[in-house]
Amino acid sequence: MFTNNLFGLVISLIIYAFEVQFYGDDSHTRIFGNPQLLYESVAIGLCGSIGQVFIFLTVSLFDCYLLTIITTTRKFFSVVYSNFKFGHNFN
């Protein structure tokens, strides 16, 4: 898991450095310049990390079948919640 995430970090940094150098991307200045945006970015990263740990623990302690049931159920409730909260209709 560590090696996988480290490899992803290195590749992402290389791609972002390319974008900054050749396309003038200024995302880092916008994120570090706005404390609320920085907080939200860190919170999303932490939630993603906790989710990855949950996936690895579920697969190692149980099996892939239970993981698919858990993730499908979570997605179902996310869609239902989104429908009620944001009024998404399928008309």
PDB file of N, CA and C in Angstrom:
ATOM      1  N   MET A   1       0.838  -1.190   0.000  1.00  0.00           N
ATOM      2  CA  MET A   1       0.000   0.000   0.000  1.00  0.00           C
ATOM      3  C   MET A   1       0.881   1.252   0.000  1.00  0.00           C
ATOM      4  N   PHE A   2       1.930   1.234   0.813  1.00  0.00           N
ATOM      5  CA  PHE A   2       2.810   2.393   0.869  1.00  0.00           C
ATOM      6  C   PHE A   2       3.489   2.640  -0.472  1.00  0.00           C
ATOM      7  N   THR A   3       3.996   1.557  -1.077  1.00  0.00           N
ATOM      8  CA  THR A   3       4.684   1.694  -2.361  1.00  0.00           C
ATOM      9  C   THR A   3       3.733   2.188  -3.447  1.00  0.00           C
ATOM     10  N   ASN A   4       2.529   1.681  -3.442  1.00  0.00           N
ATOM     11  CA  ASN A   4       1.528   2.102  -4.415  1.00  0.00           C
ATOM     12  C   ASN A   4       1.229   3.593  -4.280  1.00  0.00           C
ATOM     13  N   ASN A   5       1.015   4.050  -3.058  1.00  0.00           N
ATOM     14  CA  ASN A   5       0.721   5.471  -2.839  1.00  0.00           C
ATOM     15  C   ASN A   5       1.934   6.355  -3.117  1.00  0.00           C
ATOM     16  N   LEU A   6       3.120   5.876  -2.789  1.00  0.00           N
ATOM     17  CA  LEU A   6       4.328   6.643  -3.070  1.00  0.00           C
ATOM     18  C   LEU A   6       4.535   6.806  -4.572  1.00  0.00           C
ATOM     19  N   PHE A   7       4.318   5.732  -5.316  1.00  0.00           N
ATOM     20  CA  PHE A   7       4.430   5.797  -6.767  1.00  0.00           C
ATOM     21  C   PHE A   7       3.411   6.778  -7.344  1.00  0.00           C
ATOM     22  N   GLY A   8       2.167   6.728  -6.855  1.00  0.00           N
ATOM     23  CA  GLY A   8       1.151   7.666  -7.308  1.00  0.00           C
ATOM     24  C   GLY A   8       1.509   9.110  -7.007  1.00  0.00           C
ATOM     25  N   LEU A   9       2.104   9.354  -5.828  1.00  0.00           N
ATOM     26  CA  LEU A   9       2.524  10.703  -5.463  1.00  0.00           C
ATOM     27  C   LEU A   9       3.606  11.219  -6.411  1.00  0.00           C
ATOM     28  N   VAL A  10       4.603  10.383  -6.689  1.00  0.00           N
ATOM     29  CA  VAL A  10       5.701  10.797  -7.563  1.00  0.00           C
ATOM     30  C   VAL A  10       5.187  11.101  -8.971  1.00  0.00           C
ATOM     31  N   ILE A  11       4.347  10.227  -9.498  1.00  0.00           N
ATOM     32  CA  ILE A  11       3.793  10.459 -10.845  1.00  0.00           C
ATOM     33  C   ILE A  11       2.942  11.724 -10.874  1.00  0.00           C
ATOM     34  N   SER A  12       2.135  11.931  -9.840  1.00  0.00           N
ATOM     35  CA  SER A  12       1.300  13.132  -9.779  1.00  0.00           C
ATOM     36  C   SER A  12       2.140  14.400  -9.717  1.00  0.00           C
ATOM     37  N   LEU A  13       3.223  14.371  -8.933  1.00  0.00           N
ATOM     38  CA  LEU A  13       4.108  15.536  -8.856  1.00  0.00           C
ATOM     39  C   LEU A  13       4.777  15.826 -10.194  1.00  0.00           C
ATOM     40  N   ILE A  14       5.176  14.785 -10.904  1.00  0.00           N
ATOM     41  CA  ILE A  14       5.795  14.980 -12.215  1.00  0.00           C
ATOM     42  C   ILE A  14       4.787  15.590 -13.190  1.00  0.00           C
ATOM     43  N   ILE A  15       3.583  15.065 -13.205  1.00  0.00           N
ATOM     44  CA  ILE A  15       2.551  15.588 -14.111  1.00  0.00           C
ATOM     45  C   ILE A  15       2.214  17.032 -13.755  1.00  0.00           C
ATOM     46  N   TYR A  16       2.083  17.335 -12.451  1.00  0.00           N
ATOM     47  CA  TYR A  16       1.750  18.701 -12.058  1.00  0.00           C
ATOM     48  C   TYR A  16       2.891  19.666 -12.384  1.00  0.00           C
ATOM     49  N   ALA A  17       4.145  19.246 -12.181  1.00  0.00           N
ATOM     50  CA  ALA A  17       5.283  20.106 -12.529  1.00  0.00           C
ATOM     51  C   ALA A  17       5.277  20.403 -14.028  1.00  0.00           C
ATOM     52  N   PHE A  18       4.941  19.423 -14.833  1.00  0.00           N
ATOM     53  CA  PHE A  18       4.830  19.628 -16.279  1.00  0.00           C
ATOM     54  C   PHE A  18       3.740  20.649 -16.598  1.00  0.00           C
ATOM     55  N   GLU A  19       2.585  20.518 -15.929  1.00  0.00           N
ATOM     56  CA  GLU A  19       1.475  21.454 -16.154  1.00  0.00           C
ATOM     57  C   GLU A  19       1.859  22.879 -15.746  1.00  0.00           C
ATOM     58  N   VAL A  20       2.555  23.016 -14.631  1.00  0.00           N
ATOM     59  CA  VAL A  20       2.970  24.346 -14.175  1.00  0.00           C
ATOM     60  C   VAL A  20       3.967  24.946 -15.154  1.00  0.00           C
ATOM     61  N   GLN A  21       4.921  24.154 -15.580  1.00  0.00           N
ATOM     62  CA  GLN A  21       5.987  24.645 -16.448  1.00  0.00           C
ATOM     63  C   GLN A  21       5.477  25.039 -17.832  1.00  0.00           C
ATOM     64  N   PHE A  22       4.640  24.210 -18.428  1.00  0.00           N
ATOM     65  CA  PHE A  22       4.279  24.429 -19.829  1.00  0.00           C
ATOM     66  C   PHE A  22       2.906  25.071 -20.035  1.00  0.00           C
ATOM     67  N   TYR A  23       2.018  24.970 -19.046  1.00  0.00           N
ATOM     68  CA  TYR A  23       0.677  25.531 -19.216  1.00  0.00           C
ATOM     69  C   TYR A  23       0.351  26.634 -18.208  1.00  0.00           C
ATOM     70  N   GLY A  24       1.243  26.919 -17.284  1.00  0.00           N
ATOM     71  CA  GLY A  24       1.032  28.011 -16.342  1.00  0.00           C
ATOM     72  C   GLY A  24      -0.036  27.745 -15.304  1.00  0.00           C
ATOM     73  N   ASP A  25      -0.211  26.493 -14.925  1.00  0.00           N
ATOM     74  CA  ASP A  25      -1.224  26.139 -13.915  1.00  0.00           C
ATOM     75  C   ASP A  25      -0.832  26.767 -12.574  1.00  0.00           C
ATOM     76  N   ASP A  26      -1.774  27.477 -11.938  1.00  0.00           N
ATOM     77  CA  ASP A  26      -1.496  28.140 -10.662  1.00  0.00           C
ATOM     78  C   ASP A  26      -2.375  27.594  -9.538  1.00  0.00           C
ATOM     79  N   SER A  27      -2.736  26.321  -9.613  1.00  0.00           N
ATOM     80  CA  SER A  27      -3.613  25.729  -8.598  1.00  0.00           C
ATOM     81  C   SER A  27      -3.007  25.812  -7.210  1.00  0.00           C
ATOM     82  N   HIS A  28      -1.703  25.586  -7.102  1.00  0.00           N
ATOM     83  CA  HIS A  28      -1.063  25.608  -5.784  1.00  0.00           C
ATOM     84  C   HIS A  28      -1.153  26.987  -5.131  1.00  0.00           C
ATOM     85  N   THR A  29      -1.075  28.051  -5.897  1.00  0.00           N
ATOM     86  CA  THR A  29      -1.174  29.382  -5.287  1.00  0.00           C
ATOM     87  C   THR A  29      -2.606  29.665  -4.836  1.00  0.00           C
ATOM     88  N   ARG A  30      -3.594  29.193  -5.614  1.00  0.00           N
ATOM     89  CA  ARG A  30      -4.988  29.376  -5.204  1.00  0.00           C
ATOM     90  C   ARG A  30      -5.309  28.566  -3.946  1.00  0.00           C
ATOM     91  N   ILE A  31      -4.826  27.334  -3.881  1.00  0.00           N
ATOM     92  CA  ILE A  31      -5.130  26.491  -2.721  1.00  0.00           C
ATOM     93  C   ILE A  31      -4.445  27.017  -1.469  1.00  0.00           C
ATOM     94  N   PHE A  32      -3.157  27.344  -1.558  1.00  0.00           N
ATOM     95  CA  PHE A  32      -2.449  27.843  -0.371  1.00  0.00           C
ATOM     96  C   PHE A  32      -2.817  29.279  -0.014  1.00  0.00           C
ATOM     97  N   GLY A  33      -3.409  30.002  -0.941  1.00  0.00           N
ATOM     98  CA  GLY A  33      -3.829  31.370  -0.670  1.00  0.00           C
ATOM     99  C   GLY A  33      -5.197  31.485  -0.017  1.00  0.00           C
ATOM    100  N   ASN A  34      -5.971  30.409  -0.021  1.00  0.00           N
ATOM    101  CA  ASN A  34      -7.315  30.418   0.540  1.00  0.00           C
ATOM    102  C   ASN A  34      -7.400  29.349   1.631  1.00  0.00           C
ATOM    103  N   PRO A  35      -7.456  29.767   2.912  1.00  0.00           N
ATOM    104  CA  PRO A  35      -7.458  28.784   4.007  1.00  0.00           C
ATOM    105  C   PRO A  35      -8.626  27.796   3.951  1.00  0.00           C
ATOM    106  N   GLN A  36      -9.802  28.240   3.522  1.00  0.00           N
ATOM    107  CA  GLN A  36     -10.946  27.341   3.434  1.00  0.00           C
ATOM    108  C   GLN A  36     -10.719  26.278   2.364  1.00  0.00           C
ATOM    109  N   LEU A  37     -10.182  26.680   1.228  1.00  0.00           N
ATOM    110  CA  LEU A  37      -9.893  25.737   0.148  1.00  0.00           C
ATOM    111  C   LEU A  37      -8.799  24.756   0.557  1.00  0.00           C
ATOM    112  N   LEU A  38      -7.793  25.237   1.291  1.00  0.00           N
ATOM    113  CA  LEU A  38      -6.743  24.354   1.794  1.00  0.00           C
ATOM    114  C   LEU A  38      -7.321  23.334   2.767  1.00  0.00           C
ATOM    115  N   TYR A  39      -8.183  23.780   3.670  1.00  0.00           N
ATOM    116  CA  TYR A  39      -8.826  22.873   4.625  1.00  0.00           C
ATOM    117  C   TYR A  39      -9.648  21.809   3.907  1.00  0.00           C
ATOM    118  N   GLU A  40     -10.429  22.223   2.914  1.00  0.00           N
ATOM    119  CA  GLU A  40     -11.261  21.272   2.179  1.00  0.00           C
ATOM    120  C   GLU A  40     -10.413  20.286   1.393  1.00  0.00           C
ATOM    121  N   SER A  41      -9.304  20.745   0.823  1.00  0.00           N
ATOM    122  CA  SER A  41      -8.418  19.842   0.082  1.00  0.00           C
ATOM    123  C   SER A  41      -7.781  18.812   0.994  1.00  0.00           C
ATOM    124  N   VAL A  42      -7.336  19.245   2.165  1.00  0.00           N
ATOM    125  CA  VAL A  42      -6.745  18.312   3.128  1.00  0.00           C
ATOM    126  C   VAL A  42      -7.801  17.336   3.642  1.00  0.00           C
ATOM    127  N   ALA A  43      -9.014  17.819   3.895  1.00  0.00           N
ATOM    128  CA  ALA A  43     -10.089  16.941   4.373  1.00  0.00           C
ATOM    129  C   ALA A  43     -10.431  15.880   3.337  1.00  0.00           C
ATOM    130  N   ILE A  44     -10.489  16.247   2.071  1.00  0.00           N
ATOM    131  CA  ILE A  44     -10.756  15.270   1.011  1.00  0.00           C
ATOM    132  C   ILE A  44      -9.630  14.242   0.951  1.00  0.00           C
ATOM    133  N   GLY A  45      -8.394  14.685   1.069  1.00  0.00           N
ATOM    134  CA  GLY A  45      -7.260  13.764   1.059  1.00  0.00           C
ATOM    135  C   GLY A  45      -7.294  12.799   2.228  1.00  0.00           C
ATOM    136  N   LEU A  46      -7.629  13.295   3.416  1.00  0.00           N
ATOM    137  CA  LEU A  46      -7.706  12.421   4.587  1.00  0.00           C
ATOM    138  C   LEU A  46      -8.846  11.413   4.466  1.00  0.00           C
ATOM    139  N   CYS A  47      -9.979  11.867   3.966  1.00  0.00           N
ATOM    140  CA  CYS A  47     -11.105  10.938   3.771  1.00  0.00           C
ATOM    141  C   CYS A  47     -10.748   9.856   2.760  1.00  0.00           C
ATOM    142  N   GLY A  48     -10.064  10.227   1.710  1.00  0.00           N
ATOM    143  CA  GLY A  48      -9.624   9.237   0.729  1.00  0.00           C
ATOM    144  C   GLY A  48      -8.646   8.241   1.314  1.00  0.00           C
ATOM    145  N   SER A  49      -7.739   8.724   2.173  1.00  0.00           N
ATOM    146  CA  SER A  49      -6.773   7.829   2.820  1.00  0.00           C
ATOM    147  C   SER A  49      -7.465   6.861   3.758  1.00  0.00           C
ATOM    148  N   ILE A  50      -8.399   7.355   4.536  1.00  0.00           N
ATOM    149  CA  ILE A  50      -9.144   6.483   5.449  1.00  0.00           C
ATOM    150  C   ILE A  50      -9.942   5.453   4.655  1.00  0.00           C
ATOM    151  N   GLY A  51     -10.509   5.848   3.527  1.00  0.00           N
ATOM    152  CA  GLY A  51     -11.237   4.920   2.676  1.00  0.00           C
ATOM    153  C   GLY A  51     -10.343   3.824   2.119  1.00  0.00           C
ATOM    154  N   GLN A  52      -9.113   4.188   1.720  1.00  0.00           N
ATOM    155  CA  GLN A  52      -8.178   3.185   1.218  1.00  0.00           C
ATOM    156  C   GLN A  52      -7.790   2.184   2.298  1.00  0.00           C
ATOM    157  N   VAL A  53      -7.552   2.685   3.502  1.00  0.00           N
ATOM    158  CA  VAL A  53      -7.222   1.788   4.616  1.00  0.00           C
ATOM    159  C   VAL A  53      -8.392   0.854   4.901  1.00  0.00           C
ATOM    160  N   PHE A  54      -9.615   1.374   4.860  1.00  0.00           N
ATOM    161  CA  PHE A  54     -10.804   0.552   5.075  1.00  0.00           C
ATOM    162  C   PHE A  54     -10.900  -0.551   4.020  1.00  0.00           C
ATOM    163  N   ILE A  55     -10.629  -0.214   2.772  1.00  0.00           N
ATOM    164  CA  ILE A  55     -10.692  -1.211   1.701  1.00  0.00           C
ATOM    165  C   ILE A  55      -9.655  -2.303   1.928  1.00  0.00           C
ATOM    166  N   PHE A  56      -8.417  -1.929   2.223  1.00  0.00           N
ATOM    167  CA  PHE A  56      -7.371  -2.931   2.439  1.00  0.00           C
ATOM    168  C   PHE A  56      -7.675  -3.793   3.658  1.00  0.00           C
ATOM    169  N   LEU A  57      -8.181  -3.186   4.738  1.00  0.00           N
ATOM    170  CA  LEU A  57      -8.527  -3.975   5.921  1.00  0.00           C
ATOM    171  C   LEU A  57      -9.679  -4.932   5.647  1.00  0.00           C
ATOM    172  N   THR A  58     -10.680  -4.482   4.931  1.00  0.00           N
ATOM    173  CA  THR A  58     -11.819  -5.340   4.627  1.00  0.00           C
ATOM    174  C   THR A  58     -11.402  -6.532   3.771  1.00  0.00           C
ATOM    175  N   VAL A  59     -10.567  -6.288   2.769  1.00  0.00           N
ATOM    176  CA  VAL A  59     -10.113  -7.382   1.910  1.00  0.00           C
ATOM    177  C   VAL A  59      -9.233  -8.352   2.690  1.00  0.00           C
ATOM    178  N   SER A  60      -8.362  -7.835   3.555  1.00  0.00           N
ATOM    179  CA  SER A  60      -7.452  -8.726   4.277  1.00  0.00           C
ATOM    180  C   SER A  60      -8.149  -9.479   5.408  1.00  0.00           C
ATOM    181  N   LEU A  61      -9.155  -8.885   6.052  1.00  0.00           N
ATOM    182  CA  LEU A  61      -9.827  -9.558   7.159  1.00  0.00           C
ATOM    183  C   LEU A  61     -10.998 -10.421   6.696  1.00  0.00           C
ATOM    184  N   PHE A  62     -11.641 -10.056   5.614  1.00  0.00           N
ATOM    185  CA  PHE A  62     -12.810 -10.786   5.140  1.00  0.00           C
ATOM    186  C   PHE A  62     -12.524 -11.281   3.726  1.00  0.00           C
ATOM    187  N   ASP A  63     -13.304 -10.883   2.764  1.00  0.00           N
ATOM    188  CA  ASP A  63     -13.040 -11.261   1.383  1.00  0.00           C
ATOM    189  C   ASP A  63     -13.590 -10.190   0.449  1.00  0.00           C
ATOM    190  N   CYS A  64     -13.323 -10.365  -0.833  1.00  0.00           N
ATOM    191  CA  CYS A  64     -13.739  -9.368  -1.822  1.00  0.00           C
ATOM    192  C   CYS A  64     -15.252  -9.294  -1.957  1.00  0.00           C
ATOM    193  N   TYR A  65     -15.936 -10.400  -1.729  1.00  0.00           N
ATOM    194  CA  TYR A  65     -17.388 -10.418  -1.851  1.00  0.00           C
ATOM    195  C   TYR A  65     -18.030  -9.447  -0.856  1.00  0.00           C
ATOM    196  N   LEU A  66     -17.584  -9.484   0.396  1.00  0.00           N
ATOM    197  CA  LEU A  66     -18.120  -8.568   1.404  1.00  0.00           C
ATOM    198  C   LEU A  66     -17.781  -7.122   1.057  1.00  0.00           C
ATOM    199  N   LEU A  67     -16.598  -6.894   0.535  1.00  0.00           N
ATOM    200  CA  LEU A  67     -16.217  -5.535   0.139  1.00  0.00           C
ATOM    201  C   LEU A  67     -17.145  -5.006  -0.950  1.00  0.00           C
ATOM    202  N   THR A  68     -17.491  -5.832  -1.927  1.00  0.00           N
ATOM    203  CA  THR A  68     -18.392  -5.360  -2.981  1.00  0.00           C
ATOM    204  C   THR A  68     -19.782  -5.065  -2.434  1.00  0.00           C
ATOM    205  N   ILE A  69     -20.237  -5.853  -1.472  1.00  0.00           N
ATOM    206  CA  ILE A  69     -21.536  -5.578  -0.852  1.00  0.00           C
ATOM    207  C   ILE A  69     -21.492  -4.248  -0.098  1.00  0.00           C
ATOM    208  N   ILE A  70     -20.436  -4.023   0.659  1.00  0.00           N
ATOM    209  CA  ILE A  70     -20.301  -2.784   1.435  1.00  0.00           C
ATOM    210  C   ILE A  70     -20.227  -1.571   0.511  1.00  0.00           C
ATOM    211  N   THR A  71     -19.400  -1.639  -0.525  1.00  0.00           N
ATOM    212  CA  THR A  71     -19.236  -0.471  -1.393  1.00  0.00           C
ATOM    213  C   THR A  71     -20.487  -0.200  -2.230  1.00  0.00           C
ATOM    214  N   THR A  72     -21.172  -1.270  -2.663  1.00  0.00           N
ATOM    215  CA  THR A  72     -22.409  -1.071  -3.418  1.00  0.00           C
ATOM    216  C   THR A  72     -23.497  -0.468  -2.536  1.00  0.00           C
ATOM    217  N   THR A  73     -23.597  -0.926  -1.302  1.00  0.00           N
ATOM    218  CA  THR A  73     -24.583  -0.377  -0.370  1.00  0.00           C
ATOM    219  C   THR A  73     -24.286   1.087  -0.065  1.00  0.00           C
ATOM    220  N   ARG A  74     -23.011   1.406   0.114  1.00  0.00           N
ATOM    221  CA  ARG A  74     -22.620   2.800   0.377  1.00  0.00           C
ATOM    222  C   ARG A  74     -22.984   3.690  -0.803  1.00  0.00           C
ATOM    223  N   LYS A  75     -22.709   3.213  -2.008  1.00  0.00           N
ATOM    224  CA  LYS A  75     -23.031   3.998  -3.198  1.00  0.00           C
ATOM    225  C   LYS A  75     -24.544   4.180  -3.341  1.00  0.00           C
ATOM    226  N   PHE A  76     -25.307   3.136  -3.044  1.00  0.00           N
ATOM    227  CA  PHE A  76     -26.764   3.230  -3.111  1.00  0.00           C
ATOM    228  C   PHE A  76     -27.274   4.324  -2.175  1.00  0.00           C
ATOM    229  N   PHE A  77     -26.813   4.313  -0.920  1.00  0.00           N
ATOM    230  CA  PHE A  77     -27.274   5.320   0.023  1.00  0.00           C
ATOM    231  C   PHE A  77     -26.763   6.712  -0.332  1.00  0.00           C
ATOM    232  N   SER A  78     -25.589   6.810  -0.954  1.00  0.00           N
ATOM    233  CA  SER A  78     -25.105   8.113  -1.413  1.00  0.00           C
ATOM    234  C   SER A  78     -26.008   8.695  -2.489  1.00  0.00           C
ATOM    235  N   VAL A  79     -26.445   7.847  -3.420  1.00  0.00           N
ATOM    236  CA  VAL A  79     -27.336   8.311  -4.494  1.00  0.00           C
ATOM    237  C   VAL A  79     -28.695   8.708  -3.927  1.00  0.00           C
ATOM    238  N   VAL A  80     -29.230   7.907  -3.014  1.00  0.00           N
ATOM    239  CA  VAL A  80     -30.530   8.231  -2.413  1.00  0.00           C
ATOM    240  C   VAL A  80     -30.438   9.538  -1.624  1.00  0.00           C
ATOM    241  N   TYR A  81     -29.374   9.695  -0.843  1.00  0.00           N
ATOM    242  CA  TYR A  81     -29.179  10.935  -0.075  1.00  0.00           C
ATOM    243  C   TYR A  81     -29.066  12.140  -1.011  1.00  0.00           C
ATOM    244  N   SER A  82     -28.312  11.986  -2.105  1.00  0.00           N
ATOM    245  CA  SER A  82     -28.151  13.078  -3.055  1.00  0.00           C
ATOM    246  C   SER A  82     -29.485  13.450  -3.692  1.00  0.00           C
ATOM    247  N   ASN A  83     -30.311  12.446  -3.983  1.00  0.00           N
ATOM    248  CA  ASN A  83     -31.625  12.726  -4.559  1.00  0.00           C
ATOM    249  C   ASN A  83     -32.482  13.570  -3.627  1.00  0.00           C
ATOM    250  N   PHE A  84     -32.469  13.234  -2.352  1.00  0.00           N
ATOM    251  CA  PHE A  84     -33.273  13.996  -1.393  1.00  0.00           C
ATOM    252  C   PHE A  84     -32.668  15.363  -1.079  1.00  0.00           C
ATOM    253  N   LYS A  85     -31.358  15.413  -0.872  1.00  0.00           N
ATOM    254  CA  LYS A  85     -30.729  16.668  -0.463  1.00  0.00           C
ATOM    255  C   LYS A  85     -30.717  17.700  -1.590  1.00  0.00           C
ATOM    256  N   PHE A  86     -30.381  17.281  -2.806  1.00  0.00           N
ATOM    257  CA  PHE A  86     -30.224  18.231  -3.909  1.00  0.00           C
ATOM    258  C   PHE A  86     -31.382  18.205  -4.898  1.00  0.00           C
ATOM    259  N   GLY A  87     -32.383  17.377  -4.655  1.00  0.00           N
ATOM    260  CA  GLY A  87     -33.570  17.350  -5.495  1.00  0.00           C
ATOM    261  C   GLY A  87     -33.326  16.813  -6.886  1.00  0.00           C
ATOM    262  N   HIS A  88     -32.412  15.858  -7.028  1.00  0.00           N
ATOM    263  CA  HIS A  88     -32.166  15.255  -8.341  1.00  0.00           C
ATOM    264  C   HIS A  88     -33.345  14.361  -8.690  1.00  0.00           C
ATOM    265  N   ASN A  89     -33.945  14.621  -9.818  1.00  0.00           N
ATOM    266  CA  ASN A  89     -35.081  13.829 -10.289  1.00  0.00           C
ATOM    267  C   ASN A  89     -34.727  13.201 -11.613  1.00  0.00           C
ATOM    268  N   PHE A  90     -35.348  12.088 -11.903  1.00  0.00           N
ATOM    269  CA  PHE A  90     -35.102  11.389 -13.150  1.00  0.00           C
ATOM    270  C   PHE A  90     -36.294  11.528 -14.086  1.00  0.00           C
ATOM    271  N   ASN A  91     -36.762  12.753 -14.297  1.00  0.00           N
ATOM    272  CA  ASN A  91     -37.921  12.992 -15.166  1.00  0.00           C
ATOM    273  C   ASN A  91     -37.519  12.972 -16.606  1.00  0.00           C
TER     274      ASN A  91
END
